[in-house]
PDB file of N, CA and C in Angstrom:
ATOM      1  N   MET A   1      30.330  -9.824 -16.219  1.00  0.00           N
ATOM      2  CA  MET A   1      29.576  -9.665 -14.997  1.00  0.00           C
ATOM      3  C   MET A   1      30.214 -10.540 -13.915  1.00  0.00           C
ATOM      4  N   SER A   2      30.395  -9.971 -12.741  1.00  0.00           N
ATOM      5  CA  SER A   2      31.045 -10.724 -11.675  1.00  0.00           C
ATOM      6  C   SER A   2      30.089 -11.733 -11.047  1.00  0.00           C
ATOM      7  N   LYS A   3      30.659 -12.696 -10.366  1.00  0.00           N
ATOM      8  CA  LYS A   3      29.847 -13.718  -9.700  1.00  0.00           C
ATOM      9  C   LYS A   3      29.000 -13.099  -8.590  1.00  0.00           C
ATOM     10  N   THR A   4      29.546 -12.089  -7.935  1.00  0.00           N
ATOM     11  CA  THR A   4      28.794 -11.418  -6.879  1.00  0.00           C
ATOM     12  C   THR A   4      27.567 -10.718  -7.451  1.00  0.00           C
ATOM     13  N   LYS A   5      27.769 -10.052  -8.583  1.00  0.00           N
ATOM     14  CA  LYS A   5      26.646  -9.365  -9.237  1.00  0.00           C
ATOM     15  C   LYS A   5      25.588 -10.373  -9.664  1.00  0.00           C
ATOM     16  N   LEU A   6      25.991 -11.495 -10.214  1.00  0.00           N
ATOM     17  CA  LEU A   6      25.046 -12.539 -10.608  1.00  0.00           C
ATOM     18  C   LEU A   6      24.296 -13.076  -9.394  1.00  0.00           C
ATOM     19  N   ALA A   7      25.000 -13.281  -8.289  1.00  0.00           N
ATOM     20  CA  ALA A   7      24.357 -13.777  -7.072  1.00  0.00           C
ATOM     21  C   ALA A   7      23.340 -12.758  -6.553  1.00  0.00           C
ATOM     22  N   LEU A   8      23.682 -11.478  -6.594  1.00  0.00           N
ATOM     23  CA  LEU A   8      22.748 -10.436  -6.154  1.00  0.00           C
ATOM     24  C   LEU A   8      21.526 -10.372  -7.064  1.00  0.00           C
ATOM     25  N   ASP A   9      21.732 -10.587  -8.356  1.00  0.00           N
ATOM     26  CA  ASP A   9      20.606 -10.627  -9.293  1.00  0.00           C
ATOM     27  C   ASP A   9      19.673 -11.788  -8.975  1.00  0.00           C
ATOM     28  N   VAL A  10      20.233 -12.925  -8.616  1.00  0.00           N
ATOM     29  CA  VAL A  10      19.425 -14.093  -8.251  1.00  0.00           C
ATOM     30  C   VAL A  10      18.622 -13.789  -6.988  1.00  0.00           C
ATOM     31  N   VAL A  11      19.266 -13.149  -6.009  1.00  0.00           N
ATOM     32  CA  VAL A  11      18.572 -12.789  -4.774  1.00  0.00           C
ATOM     33  C   VAL A  11      17.402 -11.850  -5.081  1.00  0.00           C
ATOM     34  N   THR A  12      17.635 -10.859  -5.917  1.00  0.00           N
ATOM     35  CA  THR A  12      16.576  -9.920  -6.299  1.00  0.00           C
ATOM     36  C   THR A  12      15.435 -10.647  -6.997  1.00  0.00           C
ATOM     37  N   ASP A  13      15.777 -11.531  -7.907  1.00  0.00           N
ATOM     38  CA  ASP A  13      14.751 -12.290  -8.618  1.00  0.00           C
ATOM     39  C   ASP A  13      13.941 -13.162  -7.666  1.00  0.00           C
ATOM     40  N   LEU A  14      14.616 -13.774  -6.693  1.00  0.00           N
ATOM     41  CA  LEU A  14      13.911 -14.619  -5.719  1.00  0.00           C
ATOM     42  C   LEU A  14      12.968 -13.785  -4.853  1.00  0.00           C
ATOM     43  N   ARG A  15      13.406 -12.598  -4.460  1.00  0.00           N
ATOM     44  CA  ARG A  15      12.537 -11.713  -3.674  1.00  0.00           C
ATOM     45  C   ARG A  15      11.320 -11.295  -4.484  1.00  0.00           C
ATOM     46  N   ASN A  16      11.534 -10.979  -5.762  1.00  0.00           N
ATOM     47  CA  ASN A  16      10.407 -10.612  -6.616  1.00  0.00           C
ATOM     48  C   ASN A  16       9.441 -11.780  -6.775  1.00  0.00           C
ATOM     49  N   LEU A  17       9.988 -12.981  -6.924  1.00  0.00           N
ATOM     50  CA  LEU A  17       9.155 -14.171  -7.035  1.00  0.00           C
ATOM     51  C   LEU A  17       8.354 -14.383  -5.762  1.00  0.00           C
ATOM     52  N   ALA A  18       9.000 -14.226  -4.608  1.00  0.00           N
ATOM     53  CA  ALA A  18       8.300 -14.379  -3.331  1.00  0.00           C
ATOM     54  C   ALA A  18       7.182 -13.348  -3.205  1.00  0.00           C
ATOM     55  N   GLY A  19       7.448 -12.127  -3.636  1.00  0.00           N
ATOM     56  CA  GLY A  19       6.416 -11.085  -3.601  1.00  0.00           C
ATOM     57  C   GLY A  19       5.256 -11.423  -4.522  1.00  0.00           C
ATOM     58  N   SER A  20       5.552 -11.965  -5.678  1.00  0.00           N
ATOM     59  CA  SER A  20       4.498 -12.347  -6.617  1.00  0.00           C
ATOM     60  C   SER A  20       3.647 -13.488  -6.071  1.00  0.00           C
ATOM     61  N   ILE A  21       4.302 -14.440  -5.427  1.00  0.00           N
ATOM     62  CA  ILE A  21       3.559 -15.558  -4.834  1.00  0.00           C
ATOM     63  C   ILE A  21       2.680 -15.053  -3.691  1.00  0.00           C
ATOM     64  N   GLU A  22       3.206 -14.149  -2.886  1.00  0.00           N
ATOM     65  CA  GLU A  22       2.423 -13.582  -1.789  1.00  0.00           C
ATOM     66  C   GLU A  22       1.217 -12.817  -2.332  1.00  0.00           C
ATOM     67  N   THR A  23       1.411 -12.073  -3.399  1.00  0.00           N
ATOM     68  CA  THR A  23       0.309 -11.355  -4.032  1.00  0.00           C
ATOM     69  C   THR A  23      -0.748 -12.322  -4.533  1.00  0.00           C
ATOM     70  N   LEU A  24      -0.315 -13.404  -5.137  1.00  0.00           N
ATOM     71  CA  LEU A  24      -1.245 -14.416  -5.625  1.00  0.00           C
ATOM     72  C   LEU A  24      -2.055 -15.003  -4.477  1.00  0.00           C
ATOM     73  N   VAL A  25      -1.390 -15.297  -3.373  1.00  0.00           N
ATOM     74  CA  VAL A  25      -2.091 -15.847  -2.206  1.00  0.00           C
ATOM     75  C   VAL A  25      -3.101 -14.837  -1.678  1.00  0.00           C
ATOM     76  N   PHE A  26      -2.705 -13.561  -1.585  1.00  0.00           N
ATOM     77  CA  PHE A  26      -3.629 -12.519  -1.136  1.00  0.00           C
ATOM     78  C   PHE A  26      -4.853 -12.476  -2.037  1.00  0.00           C
ATOM     79  N   ALA A  27      -4.622 -12.500  -3.345  1.00  0.00           N
ATOM     80  CA  ALA A  27      -5.727 -12.433  -4.298  1.00  0.00           C
ATOM     81  C   ALA A  27      -6.639 -13.645  -4.172  1.00  0.00           C
ATOM     82  N   LEU A  28      -6.049 -14.812  -4.025  1.00  0.00           N
ATOM     83  CA  LEU A  28      -6.859 -16.026  -3.879  1.00  0.00           C
ATOM     84  C   LEU A  28      -7.668 -15.992  -2.591  1.00  0.00           C
ATOM     85  N   GLU A  29      -7.056 -15.540  -1.511  1.00  0.00           N
ATOM     86  CA  GLU A  29      -7.776 -15.466  -0.243  1.00  0.00           C
ATOM     87  C   GLU A  29      -8.882 -14.430  -0.291  1.00  0.00           C
ATOM     88  N   SER A  30      -8.649 -13.308  -0.944  1.00  0.00           N
ATOM     89  CA  SER A  30      -9.706 -12.289  -1.025  1.00  0.00           C
ATOM     90  C   SER A  30     -10.839 -12.769  -1.927  1.00  0.00           C
ATOM     91  N   ASN A  31     -10.533 -13.582  -2.927  1.00  0.00           N
ATOM     92  CA  ASN A  31     -11.591 -14.148  -3.761  1.00  0.00           C
ATOM     93  C   ASN A  31     -12.435 -15.133  -2.978  1.00  0.00           C
ATOM     94  N   GLN A  32     -11.829 -15.874  -2.057  1.00  0.00           N
ATOM     95  CA  GLN A  32     -12.580 -16.818  -1.246  1.00  0.00           C
ATOM     96  C   GLN A  32     -13.548 -16.083  -0.339  1.00  0.00           C
ATOM     97  N   THR A  33     -13.140 -14.967   0.240  1.00  0.00           N
ATOM     98  CA  THR A  33     -14.050 -14.217   1.100  1.00  0.00           C
ATOM     99  C   THR A  33     -15.132 -13.549   0.269  1.00  0.00           C
ATOM    100  N   ASP A  34     -14.821 -13.147  -0.958  1.00  0.00           N
ATOM    101  CA  ASP A  34     -15.830 -12.552  -1.829  1.00  0.00           C
ATOM    102  C   ASP A  34     -16.896 -13.572  -2.212  1.00  0.00           C
ATOM    103  N   SER A  35     -16.503 -14.813  -2.445  1.00  0.00           N
ATOM    104  CA  SER A  35     -17.473 -15.819  -2.859  1.00  0.00           C
ATOM    105  C   SER A  35     -18.380 -16.224  -1.711  1.00  0.00           C
ATOM    106  N   ALA A  36     -17.957 -15.988  -0.471  1.00  0.00           N
ATOM    107  CA  ALA A  36     -18.795 -16.323   0.677  1.00  0.00           C
ATOM    108  C   ALA A  36     -19.838 -15.245   0.932  1.00  0.00           C
ATOM    109  N   ALA A  37     -19.633 -14.050   0.435  1.00  0.00           N
ATOM    110  CA  ALA A  37     -20.539 -12.943   0.698  1.00  0.00           C
ATOM    111  C   ALA A  37     -21.967 -13.182   0.192  1.00  0.00           C
ATOM    112  N   PRO A  38     -22.180 -13.722  -1.020  1.00  0.00           N
ATOM    113  CA  PRO A  38     -23.557 -13.921  -1.471  1.00  0.00           C
ATOM    114  C   PRO A  38     -24.352 -14.859  -0.560  1.00  0.00           C
ATOM    115  N   VAL A  39     -23.709 -15.825   0.044  1.00  0.00           N
ATOM    116  CA  VAL A  39     -24.410 -16.736   0.942  1.00  0.00           C
ATOM    117  C   VAL A  39     -24.927 -15.968   2.147  1.00  0.00           C
ATOM    118  N   GLU A  40     -24.107 -15.079   2.686  1.00  0.00           N
ATOM    119  CA  GLU A  40     -24.516 -14.290   3.832  1.00  0.00           C
ATOM    120  C   GLU A  40     -25.668 -13.373   3.475  1.00  0.00           C
ATOM    121  N   LYS A  41     -25.639 -12.776   2.288  1.00  0.00           N
ATOM    122  CA  LYS A  41     -26.722 -11.899   1.868  1.00  0.00           C
ATOM    123  C   LYS A  41     -28.017 -12.673   1.719  1.00  0.00           C
ATOM    124  N   LYS A  42     -27.934 -13.877   1.190  1.00  0.00           N
ATOM    125  CA  LYS A  42     -29.113 -14.695   1.006  1.00  0.00           C
ATOM    126  C   LYS A  42     -29.731 -15.045   2.358  1.00  0.00           C
ATOM    127  N   GLU A  43     -28.880 -15.406   3.319  1.00  0.00           N
ATOM    128  CA  GLU A  43     -29.374 -15.722   4.652  1.00  0.00           C
ATOM    129  C   GLU A  43     -30.004 -14.506   5.297  1.00  0.00           C
ATOM    130  N   ALA A  44     -29.452 -13.336   5.069  1.00  0.00           N
ATOM    131  CA  ALA A  44     -29.995 -12.121   5.650  1.00  0.00           C
ATOM    132  C   ALA A  44     -31.373 -11.811   5.083  1.00  0.00           C
ATOM    133  N   LYS A  45     -31.576 -12.091   3.811  1.00  0.00           N
ATOM    134  CA  LYS A  45     -32.877 -11.857   3.204  1.00  0.00           C
ATOM    135  C   LYS A  45     -33.927 -12.801   3.767  1.00  0.00           C
ATOM    136  N   GLU A  46     -33.510 -14.014   4.083  1.00  0.00           N
ATOM    137  CA  GLU A  46     -34.451 -14.978   4.633  1.00  0.00           C
ATOM    138  C   GLU A  46     -34.893 -14.573   6.027  1.00  0.00           C
ATOM    139  N   ASN A  47     -34.019 -13.991   6.798  1.00  0.00           N
ATOM    140  CA  ASN A  47     -34.355 -13.494   8.130  1.00  0.00           C
ATOM    141  C   ASN A  47     -34.738 -12.032   7.995  1.00  0.00           C
ATOM    142  N   LYS A  48     -35.981 -11.755   7.707  1.00  0.00           N
ATOM    143  CA  LYS A  48     -36.413 -10.389   7.431  1.00  0.00           C
ATOM    144  C   LYS A  48     -36.650  -9.570   8.695  1.00  0.00           C
ATOM    145  N   GLU A  49     -36.453 -10.186   9.853  1.00  0.00           N
ATOM    146  CA  GLU A  49     -36.610  -9.446  11.090  1.00  0.00           C
ATOM    147  C   GLU A  49     -35.397  -8.551  11.280  1.00  0.00           C
ATOM    148  N   PRO A  50     -35.623  -7.262  11.454  1.00  0.00           N
ATOM    149  CA  PRO A  50     -34.471  -6.380  11.655  1.00  0.00           C
ATOM    150  C   PRO A  50     -33.850  -6.638  13.020  1.00  0.00           C
ATOM    151  N   LYS A  51     -32.543  -6.593  13.046  1.00  0.00           N
ATOM    152  CA  LYS A  51     -31.834  -6.795  14.296  1.00  0.00           C
ATOM    153  C   LYS A  51     -31.811  -5.476  15.054  1.00  0.00           C
ATOM    154  N   LYS A  52     -32.257  -5.531  16.288  1.00  0.00           N
ATOM    155  CA  LYS A  52     -32.251  -4.340  17.128  1.00  0.00           C
ATOM    156  C   LYS A  52     -31.246  -4.546  18.241  1.00  0.00           C
ATOM    157  N   SER A  53     -30.460  -3.532  18.469  1.00  0.00           N
ATOM    158  CA  SER A  53     -29.505  -3.613  19.562  1.00  0.00           C
ATOM    159  C   SER A  53     -29.720  -2.437  20.487  1.00  0.00           C
ATOM    160  N   ALA A  54     -29.504  -2.663  21.760  1.00  0.00           N
ATOM    161  CA  ALA A  54     -29.693  -1.617  22.752  1.00  0.00           C
ATOM    162  C   ALA A  54     -28.583  -0.575  22.665  1.00  0.00           C
ATOM    163  N   GLN A  55     -27.406  -0.988  22.196  1.00  0.00           N
ATOM    164  CA  GLN A  55     -26.281  -0.079  22.107  1.00  0.00           C
ATOM    165  C   GLN A  55     -26.011   0.269  20.651  1.00  0.00           C
ATOM    166  N   PRO A  56     -25.567   1.488  20.396  1.00  0.00           N
ATOM    167  CA  PRO A  56     -25.196   1.826  19.012  1.00  0.00           C
ATOM    168  C   PRO A  56     -23.990   0.998  18.605  1.00  0.00           C
ATOM    169  N   GLN A  57     -23.886   0.758  17.320  1.00  0.00           N
ATOM    170  CA  GLN A  57     -22.784  -0.056  16.821  1.00  0.00           C
ATOM    171  C   GLN A  57     -21.466   0.674  17.000  1.00  0.00           C
ATOM    172  N   LYS A  58     -20.482  -0.070  17.471  1.00  0.00           N
ATOM    173  CA  LYS A  58     -19.150   0.493  17.613  1.00  0.00           C
ATOM    174  C   LYS A  58     -18.447   0.430  16.261  1.00  0.00           C
ATOM    175  N   ALA A  59     -17.513   1.339  16.087  1.00  0.00           N
ATOM    176  CA  ALA A  59     -16.710   1.288  14.865  1.00  0.00           C
ATOM    177  C   ALA A  59     -15.896  -0.007  14.899  1.00  0.00           C
ATOM    178  N   GLN A  60     -16.050  -0.799  13.865  1.00  0.00           N
ATOM    179  CA  GLN A  60     -15.371  -2.084  13.839  1.00  0.00           C
ATOM    180  C   GLN A  60     -13.950  -1.923  13.340  1.00  0.00           C
ATOM    181  N   LEU A  61     -13.051  -2.688  13.952  1.00  0.00           N
ATOM    182  CA  LEU A  61     -11.676  -2.713  13.485  1.00  0.00           C
ATOM    183  C   LEU A  61     -11.622  -3.468  12.166  1.00  0.00           C
ATOM    184  N   PRO A  62     -10.727  -3.089  11.280  1.00  0.00           N
ATOM    185  CA  PRO A  62     -10.583  -3.842  10.033  1.00  0.00           C
ATOM    186  C   PRO A  62     -10.132  -5.269  10.335  1.00  0.00           C
ATOM    187  N   THR A  63     -10.572  -6.188   9.524  1.00  0.00           N
ATOM    188  CA  THR A  63     -10.193  -7.583   9.689  1.00  0.00           C
ATOM    189  C   THR A  63      -8.912  -7.874   8.909  1.00  0.00           C
ATOM    190  N   LEU A  64      -8.349  -9.028   9.170  1.00  0.00           N
ATOM    191  CA  LEU A  64      -7.170  -9.465   8.431  1.00  0.00           C
ATOM    192  C   LEU A  64      -7.483  -9.501   6.936  1.00  0.00           C
ATOM    193  N   GLU A  65      -8.691  -9.947   6.593  1.00  0.00           N
ATOM    194  CA  GLU A  65      -9.078 -10.023   5.180  1.00  0.00           C
ATOM    195  C   GLU A  65      -9.138  -8.635   4.545  1.00  0.00           C
ATOM    196  N   ASP A  66      -9.623  -7.631   5.297  1.00  0.00           N
ATOM    197  CA  ASP A  66      -9.671  -6.262   4.777  1.00  0.00           C
ATOM    198  C   ASP A  66      -8.267  -5.758   4.465  1.00  0.00           C
ATOM    199  N   VAL A  67      -7.376  -5.968   5.418  1.00  0.00           N
ATOM    200  CA  VAL A  67      -5.997  -5.506   5.244  1.00  0.00           C
ATOM    201  C   VAL A  67      -5.324  -6.263   4.110  1.00  0.00           C
ATOM    202  N   ARG A  68      -5.533  -7.570   4.079  1.00  0.00           N
ATOM    203  CA  ARG A  68      -4.926  -8.402   3.034  1.00  0.00           C
ATOM    204  C   ARG A  68      -5.406  -7.968   1.656  1.00  0.00           C
ATOM    205  N   ALA A  69      -6.687  -7.666   1.524  1.00  0.00           N
ATOM    206  CA  ALA A  69      -7.237  -7.245   0.229  1.00  0.00           C
ATOM    207  C   ALA A  69      -6.594  -5.931  -0.227  1.00  0.00           C
ATOM    208  N   LYS A  70      -6.451  -4.994   0.707  1.00  0.00           N
ATOM    209  CA  LYS A  70      -5.851  -3.701   0.367  1.00  0.00           C
ATOM    210  C   LYS A  70      -4.393  -3.877  -0.062  1.00  0.00           C
ATOM    211  N   LEU A  71      -3.648  -4.666   0.711  1.00  0.00           N
ATOM    212  CA  LEU A  71      -2.238  -4.870   0.384  1.00  0.00           C
ATOM    213  C   LEU A  71      -2.068  -5.673  -0.903  1.00  0.00           C
ATOM    214  N   ALA A  72      -2.981  -6.594  -1.154  1.00  0.00           N
ATOM    215  CA  ALA A  72      -2.923  -7.357  -2.404  1.00  0.00           C
ATOM    216  C   ALA A  72      -3.147  -6.433  -3.597  1.00  0.00           C
ATOM    217  N   ALA A  73      -4.082  -5.511  -3.456  1.00  0.00           N
ATOM    218  CA  ALA A  73      -4.345  -4.568  -4.545  1.00  0.00           C
ATOM    219  C   ALA A  73      -3.112  -3.698  -4.805  1.00  0.00           C
ATOM    220  N   LEU A  74      -2.462  -3.270  -3.734  1.00  0.00           N
ATOM    221  CA  LEU A  74      -1.244  -2.470  -3.904  1.00  0.00           C
ATOM    222  C   LEU A  74      -0.132  -3.288  -4.556  1.00  0.00           C
ATOM    223  N   SER A  75      -0.010  -4.540  -4.136  1.00  0.00           N
ATOM    224  CA  SER A  75       1.015  -5.412  -4.723  1.00  0.00           C
ATOM    225  C   SER A  75       0.763  -5.627  -6.203  1.00  0.00           C
ATOM    226  N   GLN A  76      -0.485  -5.820  -6.555  1.00  0.00           N
ATOM    227  CA  GLN A  76      -0.828  -6.026  -7.964  1.00  0.00           C
ATOM    228  C   GLN A  76      -0.596  -4.768  -8.777  1.00  0.00           C
ATOM    229  N   ALA A  77      -0.609  -3.628  -8.110  1.00  0.00           N
ATOM    230  CA  ALA A  77      -0.359  -2.355  -8.791  1.00  0.00           C
ATOM    231  C   ALA A  77       1.141  -2.071  -8.905  1.00  0.00           C
ATOM    232  N   GLY A  78       1.982  -3.069  -8.573  1.00  0.00           N
ATOM    233  CA  GLY A  78       3.418  -2.921  -8.738  1.00  0.00           C
ATOM    234  C   GLY A  78       4.141  -2.391  -7.514  1.00  0.00           C
ATOM    235  N   LYS A  79       3.485  -2.383  -6.371  1.00  0.00           N
ATOM    236  CA  LYS A  79       4.103  -1.849  -5.161  1.00  0.00           C
ATOM    237  C   LYS A  79       4.450  -2.967  -4.181  1.00  0.00           C
ATOM    238  N   GLN A  80       4.947  -4.082  -4.711  1.00  0.00           N
ATOM    239  CA  GLN A  80       5.277  -5.240  -3.880  1.00  0.00           C
ATOM    240  C   GLN A  80       6.351  -4.914  -2.858  1.00  0.00           C
ATOM    241  N   VAL A  81       7.375  -4.203  -3.283  1.00  0.00           N
ATOM    242  CA  VAL A  81       8.488  -3.876  -2.390  1.00  0.00           C
ATOM    243  C   VAL A  81       7.999  -2.965  -1.267  1.00  0.00           C
ATOM    244  N   GLN A  82       7.174  -1.964  -1.604  1.00  0.00           N
ATOM    245  CA  GLN A  82       6.667  -1.050  -0.593  1.00  0.00           C
ATOM    246  C   GLN A  82       5.756  -1.768   0.403  1.00  0.00           C
ATOM    247  N   VAL A  83       4.957  -2.723  -0.089  1.00  0.00           N
ATOM    248  CA  VAL A  83       4.075  -3.488   0.796  1.00  0.00           C
ATOM    249  C   VAL A  83       4.906  -4.320   1.755  1.00  0.00           C
ATOM    250  N   LYS A  84       5.939  -4.950   1.245  1.00  0.00           N
ATOM    251  CA  LYS A  84       6.819  -5.762   2.096  1.00  0.00           C
ATOM    252  C   LYS A  84       7.503  -4.883   3.132  1.00  0.00           C
ATOM    253  N   GLU A  85       7.958  -3.704   2.725  1.00  0.00           N
ATOM    254  CA  GLU A  85       8.595  -2.775   3.663  1.00  0.00           C
ATOM    255  C   GLU A  85       7.602  -2.304   4.716  1.00  0.00           C
ATOM    256  N   LEU A  86       6.357  -2.113   4.323  1.00  0.00           N
ATOM    257  CA  LEU A  86       5.314  -1.701   5.255  1.00  0.00           C
ATOM    258  C   LEU A  86       5.100  -2.778   6.322  1.00  0.00           C
ATOM    259  N   ILE A  87       5.040  -4.012   5.900  1.00  0.00           N
ATOM    260  CA  ILE A  87       4.850  -5.131   6.831  1.00  0.00           C
ATOM    261  C   ILE A  87       6.040  -5.237   7.775  1.00  0.00           C
ATOM    262  N   THR A  88       7.241  -5.172   7.221  1.00  0.00           N
ATOM    263  CA  THR A  88       8.431  -5.276   8.074  1.00  0.00           C
ATOM    264  C   THR A  88       8.574  -4.052   8.972  1.00  0.00           C
ATOM    265  N   GLY A  89       8.023  -2.921   8.546  1.00  0.00           N
ATOM    266  CA  GLY A  89       8.040  -1.718   9.374  1.00  0.00           C
ATOM    267  C   GLY A  89       7.232  -1.878  10.650  1.00  0.00           C
ATOM    268  N   PHE A  90       6.317  -2.808  10.654  1.00  0.00           N
ATOM    269  CA  PHE A  90       5.527  -3.114  11.845  1.00  0.00           C
ATOM    270  C   PHE A  90       6.161  -4.250  12.648  1.00  0.00           C
ATOM    271  N   GLY A  91       7.401  -4.579  12.322  1.00  0.00           N
ATOM    272  CA  GLY A  91       8.136  -5.591  13.069  1.00  0.00           C
ATOM    273  C   GLY A  91       7.706  -7.011  12.781  1.00  0.00           C
ATOM    274  N   ALA A  92       7.172  -7.250  11.583  1.00  0.00           N
ATOM    275  CA  ALA A  92       6.679  -8.584  11.242  1.00  0.00           C
ATOM    276  C   ALA A  92       7.328  -9.066   9.955  1.00  0.00           C
ATOM    277  N   LYS A  93       7.374 -10.384   9.808  1.00  0.00           N
ATOM    278  CA  LYS A  93       7.877 -10.969   8.567  1.00  0.00           C
ATOM    279  C   LYS A  93       6.745 -11.198   7.578  1.00  0.00           C
ATOM    280  N   LYS A  94       5.533 -11.376   8.117  1.00  0.00           N
ATOM    281  CA  LYS A  94       4.374 -11.583   7.252  1.00  0.00           C
ATOM    282  C   LYS A  94       3.168 -10.888   7.874  1.00  0.00           C
ATOM    283  N   LEU A  95       2.174 -10.660   7.075  1.00  0.00           N
ATOM    284  CA  LEU A  95       1.000  -9.904   7.503  1.00  0.00           C
ATOM    285  C   LEU A  95       0.327 -10.519   8.718  1.00  0.00           C
ATOM    286  N   SER A  96       0.216 -11.816   8.748  1.00  0.00           N
ATOM    287  CA  SER A  96      -0.490 -12.459   9.855  1.00  0.00           C
ATOM    288  C   SER A  96       0.255 -12.335  11.188  1.00  0.00           C
ATOM    289  N   ASP A  97       1.513 -11.871  11.167  1.00  0.00           N
ATOM    290  CA  ASP A  97       2.262 -11.655  12.403  1.00  0.00           C
ATOM    291  C   ASP A  97       1.921 -10.318  13.056  1.00  0.00           C
ATOM    292  N   ILE A  98       1.234  -9.449  12.333  1.00  0.00           N
ATOM    293  CA  ILE A  98       0.897  -8.130  12.864  1.00  0.00           C
ATOM    294  C   ILE A  98      -0.361  -8.247  13.721  1.00  0.00           C
ATOM    295  N   PRO A  99      -0.348  -7.693  14.943  1.00  0.00           N
ATOM    296  CA  PRO A  99      -1.528  -7.764  15.809  1.00  0.00           C
ATOM    297  C   PRO A  99      -2.716  -7.013  15.204  1.00  0.00           C
ATOM    298  N   ALA A 100      -3.909  -7.518  15.456  1.00  0.00           N
ATOM    299  CA  ALA A 100      -5.131  -6.943  14.874  1.00  0.00           C
ATOM    300  C   ALA A 100      -5.339  -5.488  15.281  1.00  0.00           C
ATOM    301  N   ASP A 101      -4.874  -5.099  16.460  1.00  0.00           N
ATOM    302  CA  ASP A 101      -5.087  -3.719  16.886  1.00  0.00           C
ATOM    303  C   ASP A 101      -4.224  -2.719  16.105  1.00  0.00           C
ATOM    304  N   LYS A 102      -3.280  -3.222  15.320  1.00  0.00           N
ATOM    305  CA  LYS A 102      -2.436  -2.363  14.476  1.00  0.00           C
ATOM    306  C   LYS A 102      -3.004  -2.215  13.059  1.00  0.00           C
ATOM    307  N   TYR A 103      -4.064  -2.954  12.728  1.00  0.00           N
ATOM    308  CA  TYR A 103      -4.613  -2.922  11.372  1.00  0.00           C
ATOM    309  C   TYR A 103      -5.051  -1.522  10.928  1.00  0.00           C
ATOM    310  N   PRO A 104      -5.738  -0.730  11.778  1.00  0.00           N
ATOM    311  CA  PRO A 104      -6.112   0.615  11.310  1.00  0.00           C
ATOM    312  C   PRO A 104      -4.893   1.457  10.933  1.00  0.00           C
ATOM    313  N   GLU A 105      -3.856   1.376  11.747  1.00  0.00           N
ATOM    314  CA  GLU A 105      -2.631   2.123  11.458  1.00  0.00           C
ATOM    315  C   GLU A 105      -1.970   1.606  10.180  1.00  0.00           C
ATOM    316  N   LEU A 106      -1.979   0.289   9.999  1.00  0.00           N
ATOM    317  CA  LEU A 106      -1.402  -0.320   8.805  1.00  0.00           C
ATOM    318  C   LEU A 106      -2.156   0.132   7.548  1.00  0.00           C
ATOM    319  N   LEU A 107      -3.486   0.140   7.620  1.00  0.00           N
ATOM    320  CA  LEU A 107      -4.291   0.600   6.481  1.00  0.00           C
ATOM    321  C   LEU A 107      -4.036   2.079   6.186  1.00  0.00           C
ATOM    322  N   GLU A 108      -3.867   2.859   7.243  1.00  0.00           N
ATOM    323  CA  GLU A 108      -3.586   4.280   7.071  1.00  0.00           C
ATOM    324  C   GLU A 108      -2.270   4.484   6.323  1.00  0.00           C
ATOM    325  N   GLU A 109      -1.253   3.715   6.714  1.00  0.00           N
ATOM    326  CA  GLU A 109       0.037   3.796   6.034  1.00  0.00           C
ATOM    327  C   GLU A 109      -0.064   3.292   4.596  1.00  0.00           C
ATOM    328  N   ALA A 110      -0.863   2.256   4.384  1.00  0.00           N
ATOM    329  CA  ALA A 110      -1.036   1.697   3.041  1.00  0.00           C
ATOM    330  C   ALA A 110      -1.697   2.716   2.110  1.00  0.00           C
ATOM    331  N   GLU A 111      -2.597   3.513   2.650  1.00  0.00           N
ATOM    332  CA  GLU A 111      -3.262   4.541   1.828  1.00  0.00           C
ATOM    333  C   GLU A 111      -2.268   5.565   1.308  1.00  0.00           C
ATOM    334  N   LYS A 112      -1.189   5.773   2.053  1.00  0.00           N
ATOM    335  CA  LYS A 112      -0.179   6.761   1.659  1.00  0.00           C
ATOM    336  C   LYS A 112       0.676   6.271   0.485  1.00  0.00           C
ATOM    337  N   LEU A 113       0.665   4.936   0.264  1.00  0.00           N
ATOM    338  CA  LEU A 113       1.461   4.394  -0.842  1.00  0.00           C
ATOM    339  C   LEU A 113       0.777   4.760  -2.097  1.00  0.00           C
TER     340      LEU A 113
END
């Protein structure tokens, strides 16, 4: 095996490791948001007054956590390379570099994976 081939193998392994670490971070962050949800539900039960608004609710844009959870699930399903390509396809090096107004489009593309 040539030295160049060995060096390319190391680069590939490092990229896979980086993808695995990113997936782990996504999973840990999504678990943190999941653990906060029961507190919010408990508070909502304590305030039994229904919230009334004069305007109908607007369709909410997905949050960074929503997008991160979806991409983490795809990464865990073995699509780390495709997730990374999806992020770079939006002109970013990492998910948090993508503007929030692009999240619906990003989720739409992620669904196609």
